[in-house]
């Protein structure tokens, strides 16, 4: 399985949604960085399930247990390994779905690819549950970047096609949940303070590197940088970002390019948007097939699920961005303060 990301900083995520634990190993994280466990806990709680009525009722503490790589609260240069115990898994909710792939899940493709041996309880290794260890790695990277003047922040731009007040967007989620349905959303992520020069042209561009790890978040259906697809309907005179000098440094008047030119960061904020699909696990009856009998059937998915995954995906997107930026930073050879 493709569960490893990075060129210099290597992140490996392991476990399944209902396995005893999930976790992450982080190789080549620089030594000497103090780990703020309280900040890490706050970051993890933003992603953790069961915190409000807009998320799944599954209740997990999501407190990482560090087995190596951190001594006396400081990274020591050894590979970092952290595990998170799964304590509230209800695998029995999936017994009646055996051999019946859920629409828009990885059930069918994984069954074929792994010869029927894939663990699909709660989504198995394909579950959004695996974003918890991703967030552990991301929290460490965010801390290192913040000490070097980089701030990464994500926000919800729209829910179910509605861009408005928080109350209006949450109302869309409530309506869908009441109907036994779900909605998607669009997340915007901005990284301020990114230095010039991260990333490489063609296949190792900063867009490529960010997109690669962002698509590792289950439910992501698209990503665009700067003005993205809107650029296709603009003229060059509208889309080009004029250069100027401000406070002794080269900047652009606008940031239609999203902080990346030729795959290399320009020094302007890295700015991108992520499209999240509606949660595929819904309470409505859906069509599927019985793979054992090779006949059409219908199913209703039980269990506990988010009516909108975009809300809890915010820290996941921040984590993914931070990991990609720190990996490129370490590869570039630019100094990194501790």
C-alpha atoms as a PDB file:
ATOM      1  CA  UNK A   1       0.000   0.000   0.000  1.00  0.00           C
ATOM      2  CA  UNK A   2       1.201   3.529  -0.765  1.00  0.00           C
ATOM      3  CA  UNK A   3       1.304   4.718   2.828  1.00  0.00           C
ATOM      4  CA  UNK A   4       4.677   6.504   2.694  1.00  0.00           C
ATOM      5  CA  UNK A   5       5.156  10.164   1.754  1.00  0.00           C
ATOM      6  CA  UNK A   6       8.205  12.384   1.406  1.00  0.00           C
ATOM      7  CA  UNK A   7      11.681  12.607  -0.103  1.00  0.00           C
ATOM      8  CA  UNK A   8      13.789  13.801   2.842  1.00  0.00           C
ATOM      9  CA  UNK A   9      11.194  13.790   5.607  1.00  0.00           C
ATOM     10  CA  UNK A  10       9.501  10.399   5.272  1.00  0.00           C
ATOM     11  CA  UNK A  11       6.050   9.864   6.805  1.00  0.00           C
ATOM     12  CA  UNK A  12       4.567   6.358   7.067  1.00  0.00           C
ATOM     13  CA  UNK A  13       0.983   5.915   8.279  1.00  0.00           C
ATOM     14  CA  UNK A  14      -0.181   2.492   9.510  1.00  0.00           C
ATOM     15  CA  UNK A  15      -3.215   0.721  10.954  1.00  0.00           C
ATOM     16  CA  UNK A  16      -6.900   0.281  10.156  1.00  0.00           C
ATOM     17  CA  UNK A  17     -10.022   2.030  11.371  1.00  0.00           C
ATOM     18  CA  UNK A  18     -10.895  -0.828  13.761  1.00  0.00           C
ATOM     19  CA  UNK A  19      -7.430  -2.276  14.465  1.00  0.00           C
ATOM     20  CA  UNK A  20      -6.159  -2.050  18.060  1.00  0.00           C
ATOM     21  CA  UNK A  21      -4.199   1.071  17.163  1.00  0.00           C
ATOM     22  CA  UNK A  22      -3.211   3.359  14.312  1.00  0.00           C
ATOM     23  CA  UNK A  23       0.023   5.261  14.059  1.00  0.00           C
ATOM     24  CA  UNK A  24       2.788   7.033  12.197  1.00  0.00           C
ATOM     25  CA  UNK A  25       6.550   6.849  11.854  1.00  0.00           C
ATOM     26  CA  UNK A  26       8.506   9.969  10.919  1.00  0.00           C
ATOM     27  CA  UNK A  27      12.026   9.518   9.594  1.00  0.00           C
ATOM     28  CA  UNK A  28      14.599  12.354   9.342  1.00  0.00           C
ATOM     29  CA  UNK A  29      12.684  14.867  11.460  1.00  0.00           C
ATOM     30  CA  UNK A  30      15.409  17.300  12.592  1.00  0.00           C
ATOM     31  CA  UNK A  31      16.704  17.069  16.156  1.00  0.00           C
ATOM     32  CA  UNK A  32      16.405  19.806  18.745  1.00  0.00           C
ATOM     33  CA  UNK A  33      12.780  20.846  18.204  1.00  0.00           C
ATOM     34  CA  UNK A  34      10.756  21.205  21.401  1.00  0.00           C
ATOM     35  CA  UNK A  35       7.349  19.544  21.154  1.00  0.00           C
ATOM     36  CA  UNK A  36       4.477  21.509  22.685  1.00  0.00           C
ATOM     37  CA  UNK A  37       2.233  18.661  23.823  1.00  0.00           C
ATOM     38  CA  UNK A  38      -0.593  21.012  24.811  1.00  0.00           C
ATOM     39  CA  UNK A  39      -0.616  22.598  21.346  1.00  0.00           C
ATOM     40  CA  UNK A  40      -0.505  19.135  19.787  1.00  0.00           C
ATOM     41  CA  UNK A  41      -3.471  18.047  21.912  1.00  0.00           C
ATOM     42  CA  UNK A  42      -5.492  21.107  20.851  1.00  0.00           C
ATOM     43  CA  UNK A  43      -4.677  20.427  17.215  1.00  0.00           C
ATOM     44  CA  UNK A  44      -5.694  16.762  17.487  1.00  0.00           C
ATOM     45  CA  UNK A  45      -8.984  17.659  19.194  1.00  0.00           C
ATOM     46  CA  UNK A  46     -10.047  19.654  16.112  1.00  0.00           C
ATOM     47  CA  UNK A  47      -9.980  16.435  14.078  1.00  0.00           C
ATOM     48  CA  UNK A  48     -11.161  14.007  16.762  1.00  0.00           C
ATOM     49  CA  UNK A  49     -14.629  12.432  16.357  1.00  0.00           C
ATOM     50  CA  UNK A  50     -17.576  12.767  18.697  1.00  0.00           C
ATOM     51  CA  UNK A  51     -16.997  16.374  19.735  1.00  0.00           C
ATOM     52  CA  UNK A  52     -20.253  17.883  18.439  1.00  0.00           C
ATOM     53  CA  UNK A  53     -23.517  17.035  16.660  1.00  0.00           C
ATOM     54  CA  UNK A  54     -21.980  17.691  13.242  1.00  0.00           C
ATOM     55  CA  UNK A  55     -19.517  14.794  13.488  1.00  0.00           C
ATOM     56  CA  UNK A  56     -19.763  11.036  13.922  1.00  0.00           C
ATOM     57  CA  UNK A  57     -20.833   9.876  17.427  1.00  0.00           C
ATOM     58  CA  UNK A  58     -17.752   7.633  17.526  1.00  0.00           C
ATOM     59  CA  UNK A  59     -15.796   8.821  20.546  1.00  0.00           C
ATOM     60  CA  UNK A  60     -11.999   8.588  20.469  1.00  0.00           C
ATOM     61  CA  UNK A  61      -9.551  10.470  22.704  1.00  0.00           C
ATOM     62  CA  UNK A  62      -6.939  10.570  19.906  1.00  0.00           C
ATOM     63  CA  UNK A  63      -4.065  11.047  22.352  1.00  0.00           C
ATOM     64  CA  UNK A  64      -0.805   9.962  20.671  1.00  0.00           C
ATOM     65  CA  UNK A  65       1.649   7.790  22.565  1.00  0.00           C
ATOM     66  CA  UNK A  66       5.215   8.498  21.433  1.00  0.00           C
ATOM     67  CA  UNK A  67       7.361   5.381  21.446  1.00  0.00           C
ATOM     68  CA  UNK A  68      10.566   6.909  20.097  1.00  0.00           C
ATOM     69  CA  UNK A  69      12.191  10.003  18.651  1.00  0.00           C
ATOM     70  CA  UNK A  70      11.350  12.413  21.490  1.00  0.00           C
ATOM     71  CA  UNK A  71      13.338  12.653  24.717  1.00  0.00           C
ATOM     72  CA  UNK A  72      12.511  15.082  27.506  1.00  0.00           C
ATOM     73  CA  UNK A  73      10.051  16.849  25.201  1.00  0.00           C
ATOM     74  CA  UNK A  74      12.583  17.476  22.422  1.00  0.00           C
ATOM     75  CA  UNK A  75      13.118  15.620  19.143  1.00  0.00           C
ATOM     76  CA  UNK A  76      16.365  13.674  19.357  1.00  0.00           C
ATOM     77  CA  UNK A  77      17.026  12.766  15.718  1.00  0.00           C
ATOM     78  CA  UNK A  78      15.877   9.148  15.983  1.00  0.00           C
ATOM     79  CA  UNK A  79      12.842   8.068  13.946  1.00  0.00           C
ATOM     80  CA  UNK A  80       9.676   9.258  15.654  1.00  0.00           C
ATOM     81  CA  UNK A  81       6.981   6.654  16.191  1.00  0.00           C
ATOM     82  CA  UNK A  82       3.565   7.436  17.666  1.00  0.00           C
ATOM     83  CA  UNK A  83       0.485   5.250  18.141  1.00  0.00           C
ATOM     84  CA  UNK A  84      -3.137   6.127  18.848  1.00  0.00           C
ATOM     85  CA  UNK A  85      -5.317   3.462  20.462  1.00  0.00           C
ATOM     86  CA  UNK A  86      -8.705   2.714  18.920  1.00  0.00           C
ATOM     87  CA  UNK A  87     -11.092   2.395  21.851  1.00  0.00           C
ATOM     88  CA  UNK A  88     -14.604   2.899  20.402  1.00  0.00           C
ATOM     89  CA  UNK A  89     -14.779   0.731  17.266  1.00  0.00           C
ATOM     90  CA  UNK A  90     -18.064  -1.083  16.512  1.00  0.00           C
ATOM     91  CA  UNK A  91     -17.032  -3.673  13.930  1.00  0.00           C
ATOM     92  CA  UNK A  92     -20.352  -5.504  14.226  1.00  0.00           C
ATOM     93  CA  UNK A  93     -21.991  -2.582  12.410  1.00  0.00           C
ATOM     94  CA  UNK A  94     -20.283  -3.840   9.244  1.00  0.00           C
ATOM     95  CA  UNK A  95     -21.065  -7.572   9.496  1.00  0.00           C
ATOM     96  CA  UNK A  96     -24.195  -7.394   7.340  1.00  0.00           C
ATOM     97  CA  UNK A  97     -22.280  -5.523   4.612  1.00  0.00           C
ATOM     98  CA  UNK A  98     -19.856  -8.396   4.028  1.00  0.00           C
ATOM     99  CA  UNK A  99     -19.579  -8.994   0.292  1.00  0.00           C
ATOM    100  CA  UNK A 100     -21.732  -5.974  -0.552  1.00  0.00           C
ATOM    101  CA  UNK A 101     -19.577  -2.974  -1.537  1.00  0.00           C
ATOM    102  CA  UNK A 102     -20.786   0.396  -0.312  1.00  0.00           C
ATOM    103  CA  UNK A 103     -21.242   2.954  -3.126  1.00  0.00           C
ATOM    104  CA  UNK A 104     -18.384   5.494  -3.442  1.00  0.00           C
ATOM    105  CA  UNK A 105     -16.221   3.585  -0.921  1.00  0.00           C
ATOM    106  CA  UNK A 106     -13.070   1.569  -1.570  1.00  0.00           C
ATOM    107  CA  UNK A 107     -14.850  -1.707  -0.726  1.00  0.00           C
ATOM    108  CA  UNK A 108     -15.073  -3.050  -4.285  1.00  0.00           C
ATOM    109  CA  UNK A 109     -11.683  -1.906  -5.562  1.00  0.00           C
ATOM    110  CA  UNK A 110      -9.844  -3.134  -2.457  1.00  0.00           C
ATOM    111  CA  UNK A 111     -11.689  -6.469  -2.555  1.00  0.00           C
ATOM    112  CA  UNK A 112     -10.461  -7.056  -6.104  1.00  0.00           C
ATOM    113  CA  UNK A 113      -6.944  -5.723  -5.529  1.00  0.00           C
ATOM    114  CA  UNK A 114      -6.299  -7.657  -2.308  1.00  0.00           C
ATOM    115  CA  UNK A 115      -8.154 -10.830  -3.201  1.00  0.00           C
ATOM    116  CA  UNK A 116     -10.900 -10.376  -0.632  1.00  0.00           C
ATOM    117  CA  UNK A 117      -8.501 -10.112   2.316  1.00  0.00           C
ATOM    118  CA  UNK A 118      -8.768  -6.349   2.901  1.00  0.00           C
ATOM    119  CA  UNK A 119     -10.157  -5.342   6.304  1.00  0.00           C
ATOM    120  CA  UNK A 120     -13.052  -3.014   5.468  1.00  0.00           C
ATOM    121  CA  UNK A 121     -14.520  -2.584   8.960  1.00  0.00           C
ATOM    122  CA  UNK A 122     -14.992   1.150   9.320  1.00  0.00           C
ATOM    123  CA  UNK A 123     -13.225   1.568   6.000  1.00  0.00           C
ATOM    124  CA  UNK A 124     -10.081  -0.260   7.115  1.00  0.00           C
ATOM    125  CA  UNK A 125      -6.847   1.306   5.911  1.00  0.00           C
ATOM    126  CA  UNK A 126      -8.858   3.538   3.568  1.00  0.00           C
ATOM    127  CA  UNK A 127     -10.727   5.217   6.419  1.00  0.00           C
ATOM    128  CA  UNK A 128     -10.566   8.860   7.405  1.00  0.00           C
ATOM    129  CA  UNK A 129      -9.496   7.453  10.766  1.00  0.00           C
ATOM    130  CA  UNK A 130      -5.970   7.308   9.302  1.00  0.00           C
ATOM    131  CA  UNK A 131      -5.875  11.105   9.176  1.00  0.00           C
ATOM    132  CA  UNK A 132      -5.359  11.086  12.959  1.00  0.00           C
ATOM    133  CA  UNK A 133      -1.729   9.873  12.706  1.00  0.00           C
ATOM    134  CA  UNK A 134      -1.284  12.186   9.706  1.00  0.00           C
ATOM    135  CA  UNK A 135      -2.254  15.036  12.029  1.00  0.00           C
ATOM    136  CA  UNK A 136       0.308  13.909  14.610  1.00  0.00           C
ATOM    137  CA  UNK A 137       3.054  14.254  11.999  1.00  0.00           C
ATOM    138  CA  UNK A 138       1.521  17.482  10.743  1.00  0.00           C
ATOM    139  CA  UNK A 139       1.416  19.013  14.217  1.00  0.00           C
ATOM    140  CA  UNK A 140       5.157  18.439  14.636  1.00  0.00           C
ATOM    141  CA  UNK A 141       5.827  19.977  11.223  1.00  0.00           C
ATOM    142  CA  UNK A 142       3.561  22.937  11.962  1.00  0.00           C
ATOM    143  CA  UNK A 143       5.553  23.616  15.136  1.00  0.00           C
ATOM    144  CA  UNK A 144       8.859  23.547  13.250  1.00  0.00           C
ATOM    145  CA  UNK A 145       7.495  25.844  10.538  1.00  0.00           C
ATOM    146  CA  UNK A 146       6.015  28.316  13.029  1.00  0.00           C
ATOM    147  CA  UNK A 147       9.417  28.657  14.695  1.00  0.00           C
ATOM    148  CA  UNK A 148      10.670  29.677  11.262  1.00  0.00           C
ATOM    149  CA  UNK A 149       7.994  32.248  10.537  1.00  0.00           C
ATOM    150  CA  UNK A 150       5.514  30.110   8.572  1.00  0.00           C
ATOM    151  CA  UNK A 151       1.847  29.982   9.584  1.00  0.00           C
ATOM    152  CA  UNK A 152      -0.548  27.476   7.982  1.00  0.00           C
ATOM    153  CA  UNK A 153      -4.291  27.971   8.385  1.00  0.00           C
ATOM    154  CA  UNK A 154      -7.350  26.358   6.781  1.00  0.00           C
ATOM    155  CA  UNK A 155     -10.971  27.455   6.776  1.00  0.00           C
ATOM    156  CA  UNK A 156     -14.284  26.302   5.306  1.00  0.00           C
ATOM    157  CA  UNK A 157     -15.326  28.384   2.288  1.00  0.00           C
ATOM    158  CA  UNK A 158     -18.595  26.623   1.483  1.00  0.00           C
ATOM    159  CA  UNK A 159     -20.737  23.672   2.505  1.00  0.00           C
ATOM    160  CA  UNK A 160     -23.026  21.943   0.036  1.00  0.00           C
ATOM    161  CA  UNK A 161     -22.572  24.840  -2.379  1.00  0.00           C
ATOM    162  CA  UNK A 162     -23.548  27.444   0.229  1.00  0.00           C
ATOM    163  CA  UNK A 163     -21.077  30.197   1.097  1.00  0.00           C
ATOM    164  CA  UNK A 164     -22.356  32.293   3.935  1.00  0.00           C
ATOM    165  CA  UNK A 165     -22.276  32.620   7.683  1.00  0.00           C
ATOM    166  CA  UNK A 166     -21.245  29.717   9.871  1.00  0.00           C
ATOM    167  CA  UNK A 167     -24.865  29.377  10.948  1.00  0.00           C
ATOM    168  CA  UNK A 168     -26.045  29.098   7.332  1.00  0.00           C
ATOM    169  CA  UNK A 169     -23.450  26.462   6.450  1.00  0.00           C
ATOM    170  CA  UNK A 170     -24.147  24.401   9.566  1.00  0.00           C
ATOM    171  CA  UNK A 171     -27.845  24.547   8.721  1.00  0.00           C
ATOM    172  CA  UNK A 172     -27.085  22.834   5.398  1.00  0.00           C
ATOM    173  CA  UNK A 173     -25.391  19.995   7.300  1.00  0.00           C
ATOM    174  CA  UNK A 174     -28.308  19.672   9.709  1.00  0.00           C
ATOM    175  CA  UNK A 175     -30.801  19.477   6.849  1.00  0.00           C
ATOM    176  CA  UNK A 176     -28.804  16.733   5.123  1.00  0.00           C
ATOM    177  CA  UNK A 177     -28.409  14.750   8.329  1.00  0.00           C
ATOM    178  CA  UNK A 178     -32.123  14.945   9.007  1.00  0.00           C
ATOM    179  CA  UNK A 179     -32.729  13.483   5.539  1.00  0.00           C
ATOM    180  CA  UNK A 180     -30.294  10.621   6.176  1.00  0.00           C
ATOM    181  CA  UNK A 181     -27.941  12.223   3.666  1.00  0.00           C
ATOM    182  CA  UNK A 182     -24.635  14.117   3.577  1.00  0.00           C
ATOM    183  CA  UNK A 183     -22.960  17.138   1.964  1.00  0.00           C
ATOM    184  CA  UNK A 184     -19.493  18.098   0.787  1.00  0.00           C
ATOM    185  CA  UNK A 185     -17.552  21.320   1.112  1.00  0.00           C
ATOM    186  CA  UNK A 186     -14.659  23.467  -0.037  1.00  0.00           C
ATOM    187  CA  UNK A 187     -11.673  24.183   2.209  1.00  0.00           C
ATOM    188  CA  UNK A 188      -9.188  27.001   1.663  1.00  0.00           C
ATOM    189  CA  UNK A 189      -5.669  26.674   3.035  1.00  0.00           C
ATOM    190  CA  UNK A 190      -3.112  29.487   3.204  1.00  0.00           C
ATOM    191  CA  UNK A 191       0.536  29.243   4.273  1.00  0.00           C
ATOM    192  CA  UNK A 192       2.042  32.651   5.107  1.00  0.00           C
ATOM    193  CA  UNK A 193       5.755  33.301   5.457  1.00  0.00           C
ATOM    194  CA  UNK A 194       6.919  30.568   3.059  1.00  0.00           C
ATOM    195  CA  UNK A 195      10.396  31.442   1.730  1.00  0.00           C
ATOM    196  CA  UNK A 196      11.275  31.751  -1.941  1.00  0.00           C
ATOM    197  CA  UNK A 197      12.785  28.655  -3.558  1.00  0.00           C
ATOM    198  CA  UNK A 198      10.996  25.571  -2.237  1.00  0.00           C
ATOM    199  CA  UNK A 199      10.090  22.955  -4.832  1.00  0.00           C
ATOM    200  CA  UNK A 200      11.415  22.040  -8.261  1.00  0.00           C
ATOM    201  CA  UNK A 201      10.083  22.274 -11.814  1.00  0.00           C
ATOM    202  CA  UNK A 202       8.101  19.679 -13.787  1.00  0.00           C
ATOM    203  CA  UNK A 203       7.384  16.623 -11.587  1.00  0.00           C
ATOM    204  CA  UNK A 204       8.609  17.903  -8.198  1.00  0.00           C
ATOM    205  CA  UNK A 205       6.780  21.226  -8.178  1.00  0.00           C
ATOM    206  CA  UNK A 206       5.399  22.468  -4.881  1.00  0.00           C
ATOM    207  CA  UNK A 207       1.884  22.073  -6.280  1.00  0.00           C
ATOM    208  CA  UNK A 208       2.667  18.426  -7.087  1.00  0.00           C
ATOM    209  CA  UNK A 209       4.035  17.755  -3.620  1.00  0.00           C
ATOM    210  CA  UNK A 210       1.140  19.390  -1.793  1.00  0.00           C
ATOM    211  CA  UNK A 211      -1.468  17.767  -4.051  1.00  0.00           C
ATOM    212  CA  UNK A 212       0.088  14.324  -3.578  1.00  0.00           C
ATOM    213  CA  UNK A 213      -0.306  14.341   0.193  1.00  0.00           C
ATOM    214  CA  UNK A 214      -3.625  16.239   0.225  1.00  0.00           C
ATOM    215  CA  UNK A 215      -5.117  13.506  -1.969  1.00  0.00           C
ATOM    216  CA  UNK A 216      -4.090  11.082   0.775  1.00  0.00           C
ATOM    217  CA  UNK A 217      -6.961  12.544   2.825  1.00  0.00           C
ATOM    218  CA  UNK A 218     -10.009  10.343   2.141  1.00  0.00           C
ATOM    219  CA  UNK A 219     -12.816  12.282   0.492  1.00  0.00           C
ATOM    220  CA  UNK A 220     -10.683  14.801  -1.412  1.00  0.00           C
ATOM    221  CA  UNK A 221     -11.930  15.146  -4.991  1.00  0.00           C
ATOM    222  CA  UNK A 222     -10.011  18.156  -6.260  1.00  0.00           C
ATOM    223  CA  UNK A 223      -7.412  20.838  -5.534  1.00  0.00           C
ATOM    224  CA  UNK A 224      -6.631  24.183  -7.151  1.00  0.00           C
ATOM    225  CA  UNK A 225      -3.904  26.752  -6.503  1.00  0.00           C
ATOM    226  CA  UNK A 226      -4.419  30.497  -6.632  1.00  0.00           C
ATOM    227  CA  UNK A 227      -7.248  31.333  -9.022  1.00  0.00           C
ATOM    228  CA  UNK A 228      -7.236  27.701 -10.166  1.00  0.00           C
ATOM    229  CA  UNK A 229      -9.887  26.783 -12.718  1.00  0.00           C
ATOM    230  CA  UNK A 230     -11.111  30.374 -12.733  1.00  0.00           C
ATOM    231  CA  UNK A 231      -7.854  31.283 -14.524  1.00  0.00           C
ATOM    232  CA  UNK A 232      -9.123  29.459 -17.623  1.00  0.00           C
ATOM    233  CA  UNK A 233     -11.725  32.190 -18.162  1.00  0.00           C
ATOM    234  CA  UNK A 234      -9.376  35.122 -17.493  1.00  0.00           C
ATOM    235  CA  UNK A 235      -7.107  37.070 -19.819  1.00  0.00           C
ATOM    236  CA  UNK A 236      -3.362  37.123 -19.259  1.00  0.00           C
ATOM    237  CA  UNK A 237      -3.559  40.812 -18.372  1.00  0.00           C
ATOM    238  CA  UNK A 238      -6.008  39.911 -15.597  1.00  0.00           C
ATOM    239  CA  UNK A 239      -4.283  36.813 -14.296  1.00  0.00           C
ATOM    240  CA  UNK A 240      -0.641  37.976 -14.359  1.00  0.00           C
ATOM    241  CA  UNK A 241       0.707  39.174 -10.997  1.00  0.00           C
ATOM    242  CA  UNK A 242       2.825  42.354 -11.395  1.00  0.00           C
ATOM    243  CA  UNK A 243       6.114  42.344  -9.470  1.00  0.00           C
ATOM    244  CA  UNK A 244       7.001  45.167  -7.109  1.00  0.00           C
ATOM    245  CA  UNK A 245       9.359  45.880  -4.202  1.00  0.00           C
ATOM    246  CA  UNK A 246       8.001  46.244  -0.683  1.00  0.00           C
ATOM    247  CA  UNK A 247      10.128  46.697   2.430  1.00  0.00           C
ATOM    248  CA  UNK A 248      13.214  45.665   0.485  1.00  0.00           C
ATOM    249  CA  UNK A 249      11.823  42.405  -0.887  1.00  0.00           C
ATOM    250  CA  UNK A 250      10.279  41.369  -4.191  1.00  0.00           C
ATOM    251  CA  UNK A 251       6.545  40.674  -3.969  1.00  0.00           C
ATOM    252  CA  UNK A 252       3.573  40.662  -6.335  1.00  0.00           C
ATOM    253  CA  UNK A 253       0.639  43.076  -6.235  1.00  0.00           C
ATOM    254  CA  UNK A 254      -1.787  40.165  -6.492  1.00  0.00           C
ATOM    255  CA  UNK A 255      -1.473  36.449  -5.804  1.00  0.00           C
ATOM    256  CA  UNK A 256      -3.390  34.777  -8.609  1.00  0.00           C
ATOM    257  CA  UNK A 257      -0.530  32.262  -8.885  1.00  0.00           C
ATOM    258  CA  UNK A 258      -1.117  31.057  -5.329  1.00  0.00           C
ATOM    259  CA  UNK A 259       2.470  31.544  -4.200  1.00  0.00           C
ATOM    260  CA  UNK A 260       4.017  29.048  -6.636  1.00  0.00           C
ATOM    261  CA  UNK A 261       5.634  29.813 -10.010  1.00  0.00           C
ATOM    262  CA  UNK A 262       7.229  27.089 -12.121  1.00  0.00           C
ATOM    263  CA  UNK A 263       6.732  24.669  -9.236  1.00  0.00           C
ATOM    264  CA  UNK A 264       8.838  26.910  -6.953  1.00  0.00           C
ATOM    265  CA  UNK A 265       7.522  29.013  -4.066  1.00  0.00           C
ATOM    266  CA  UNK A 266       7.615  32.729  -4.850  1.00  0.00           C
ATOM    267  CA  UNK A 267       7.587  34.120  -1.312  1.00  0.00           C
ATOM    268  CA  UNK A 268       3.910  35.043  -1.565  1.00  0.00           C
ATOM    269  CA  UNK A 269       1.407  33.055   0.538  1.00  0.00           C
ATOM    270  CA  UNK A 270       0.851  29.510  -0.715  1.00  0.00           C
ATOM    271  CA  UNK A 271      -2.886  29.537  -1.335  1.00  0.00           C
ATOM    272  CA  UNK A 272      -4.998  26.560  -2.422  1.00  0.00           C
ATOM    273  CA  UNK A 273      -8.517  25.150  -2.220  1.00  0.00           C
ATOM    274  CA  UNK A 274      -9.621  21.581  -1.648  1.00  0.00           C
ATOM    275  CA  UNK A 275     -12.944  20.039  -2.687  1.00  0.00           C
ATOM    276  CA  UNK A 276     -14.326  17.421  -0.284  1.00  0.00           C
ATOM    277  CA  UNK A 277     -17.017  15.025  -1.490  1.00  0.00           C
ATOM    278  CA  UNK A 278     -20.189  14.271   0.490  1.00  0.00           C
ATOM    279  CA  UNK A 279     -19.653  11.502   3.031  1.00  0.00           C
ATOM    280  CA  UNK A 280     -20.495   8.305   1.084  1.00  0.00           C
ATOM    281  CA  UNK A 281     -21.905   6.539   4.159  1.00  0.00           C
ATOM    282  CA  UNK A 282     -25.504   7.753   4.302  1.00  0.00           C
ATOM    283  CA  UNK A 283     -28.724   6.504   5.840  1.00  0.00           C
ATOM    284  CA  UNK A 284     -30.658   6.287   2.580  1.00  0.00           C
ATOM    285  CA  UNK A 285     -31.194   2.981   0.802  1.00  0.00           C
ATOM    286  CA  UNK A 286     -28.723   2.537  -2.066  1.00  0.00           C
ATOM    287  CA  UNK A 287     -28.153   0.095  -4.912  1.00  0.00           C
ATOM    288  CA  UNK A 288     -25.176  -2.253  -4.899  1.00  0.00           C
ATOM    289  CA  UNK A 289     -24.307  -5.855  -5.747  1.00  0.00           C
ATOM    290  CA  UNK A 290     -23.788  -9.041  -3.756  1.00  0.00           C
ATOM    291  CA  UNK A 291     -20.310 -10.112  -4.856  1.00  0.00           C
ATOM    292  CA  UNK A 292     -20.731 -13.688  -3.583  1.00  0.00           C
ATOM    293  CA  UNK A 293     -23.931 -14.264  -5.520  1.00  0.00           C
ATOM    294  CA  UNK A 294     -23.196 -11.791  -8.359  1.00  0.00           C
ATOM    295  CA  UNK A 295     -26.627 -10.228  -8.242  1.00  0.00           C
ATOM    296  CA  UNK A 296     -27.971  -6.744  -7.700  1.00  0.00           C
ATOM    297  CA  UNK A 297     -29.156  -5.850  -4.218  1.00  0.00           C
ATOM    298  CA  UNK A 298     -29.907  -2.880  -2.012  1.00  0.00           C
ATOM    299  CA  UNK A 299     -28.313  -1.820   1.239  1.00  0.00           C
ATOM    300  CA  UNK A 300     -28.733   0.683   4.016  1.00  0.00           C
ATOM    301  CA  UNK A 301     -25.520   1.633   5.783  1.00  0.00           C
ATOM    302  CA  UNK A 302     -25.606   1.617   9.562  1.00  0.00           C
ATOM    303  CA  UNK A 303     -22.797   2.632  11.882  1.00  0.00           C
ATOM    304  CA  UNK A 304     -21.682   6.133  12.843  1.00  0.00           C
ATOM    305  CA  UNK A 305     -20.659   8.692  10.238  1.00  0.00           C
ATOM    306  CA  UNK A 306     -20.092  12.406   9.691  1.00  0.00           C
ATOM    307  CA  UNK A 307     -22.824  14.171   7.695  1.00  0.00           C
ATOM    308  CA  UNK A 308     -20.041  16.430   6.370  1.00  0.00           C
ATOM    309  CA  UNK A 309     -16.370  15.489   6.492  1.00  0.00           C
ATOM    310  CA  UNK A 310     -15.169  18.978   5.503  1.00  0.00           C
ATOM    311  CA  UNK A 311     -15.392  20.306   9.064  1.00  0.00           C
ATOM    312  CA  UNK A 312     -13.019  17.772  10.624  1.00  0.00           C
ATOM    313  CA  UNK A 313     -10.796  17.836   7.537  1.00  0.00           C
ATOM    314  CA  UNK A 314      -9.501  21.347   8.313  1.00  0.00           C
ATOM    315  CA  UNK A 315      -6.570  20.246  10.525  1.00  0.00           C
ATOM    316  CA  UNK A 316      -5.891  17.373   8.100  1.00  0.00           C
ATOM    317  CA  UNK A 317      -5.372  19.823   5.237  1.00  0.00           C
ATOM    318  CA  UNK A 318      -3.157  22.017   7.445  1.00  0.00           C
ATOM    319  CA  UNK A 319      -1.154  18.940   8.442  1.00  0.00           C
ATOM    320  CA  UNK A 320      -0.711  17.808   4.844  1.00  0.00           C
ATOM    321  CA  UNK A 321       0.433  21.264   3.747  1.00  0.00           C
ATOM    322  CA  UNK A 322       2.900  21.537   6.637  1.00  0.00           C
ATOM    323  CA  UNK A 323       4.413  18.118   5.939  1.00  0.00           C
ATOM    324  CA  UNK A 324       4.889  18.947   2.248  1.00  0.00           C
ATOM    325  CA  UNK A 325       6.467  22.324   3.024  1.00  0.00           C
ATOM    326  CA  UNK A 326       8.839  20.995   5.679  1.00  0.00           C
ATOM    327  CA  UNK A 327       9.911  18.092   3.443  1.00  0.00           C
ATOM    328  CA  UNK A 328      10.737  20.531   0.637  1.00  0.00           C
ATOM    329  CA  UNK A 329      12.464  22.868   3.103  1.00  0.00           C
ATOM    330  CA  UNK A 330      14.733  20.119   4.431  1.00  0.00           C
ATOM    331  CA  UNK A 331      15.548  19.022   0.888  1.00  0.00           C
ATOM    332  CA  UNK A 332      16.399  22.586  -0.180  1.00  0.00           C
ATOM    333  CA  UNK A 333      19.175  22.974   2.364  1.00  0.00           C
ATOM    334  CA  UNK A 334      17.788  26.272   3.666  1.00  0.00           C
ATOM    335  CA  UNK A 335      18.618  26.774   7.368  1.00  0.00           C
ATOM    336  CA  UNK A 336      15.941  25.706   9.816  1.00  0.00           C
ATOM    337  CA  UNK A 337      15.964  27.296  13.263  1.00  0.00           C
ATOM    338  CA  UNK A 338      15.095  25.136  16.289  1.00  0.00           C
END
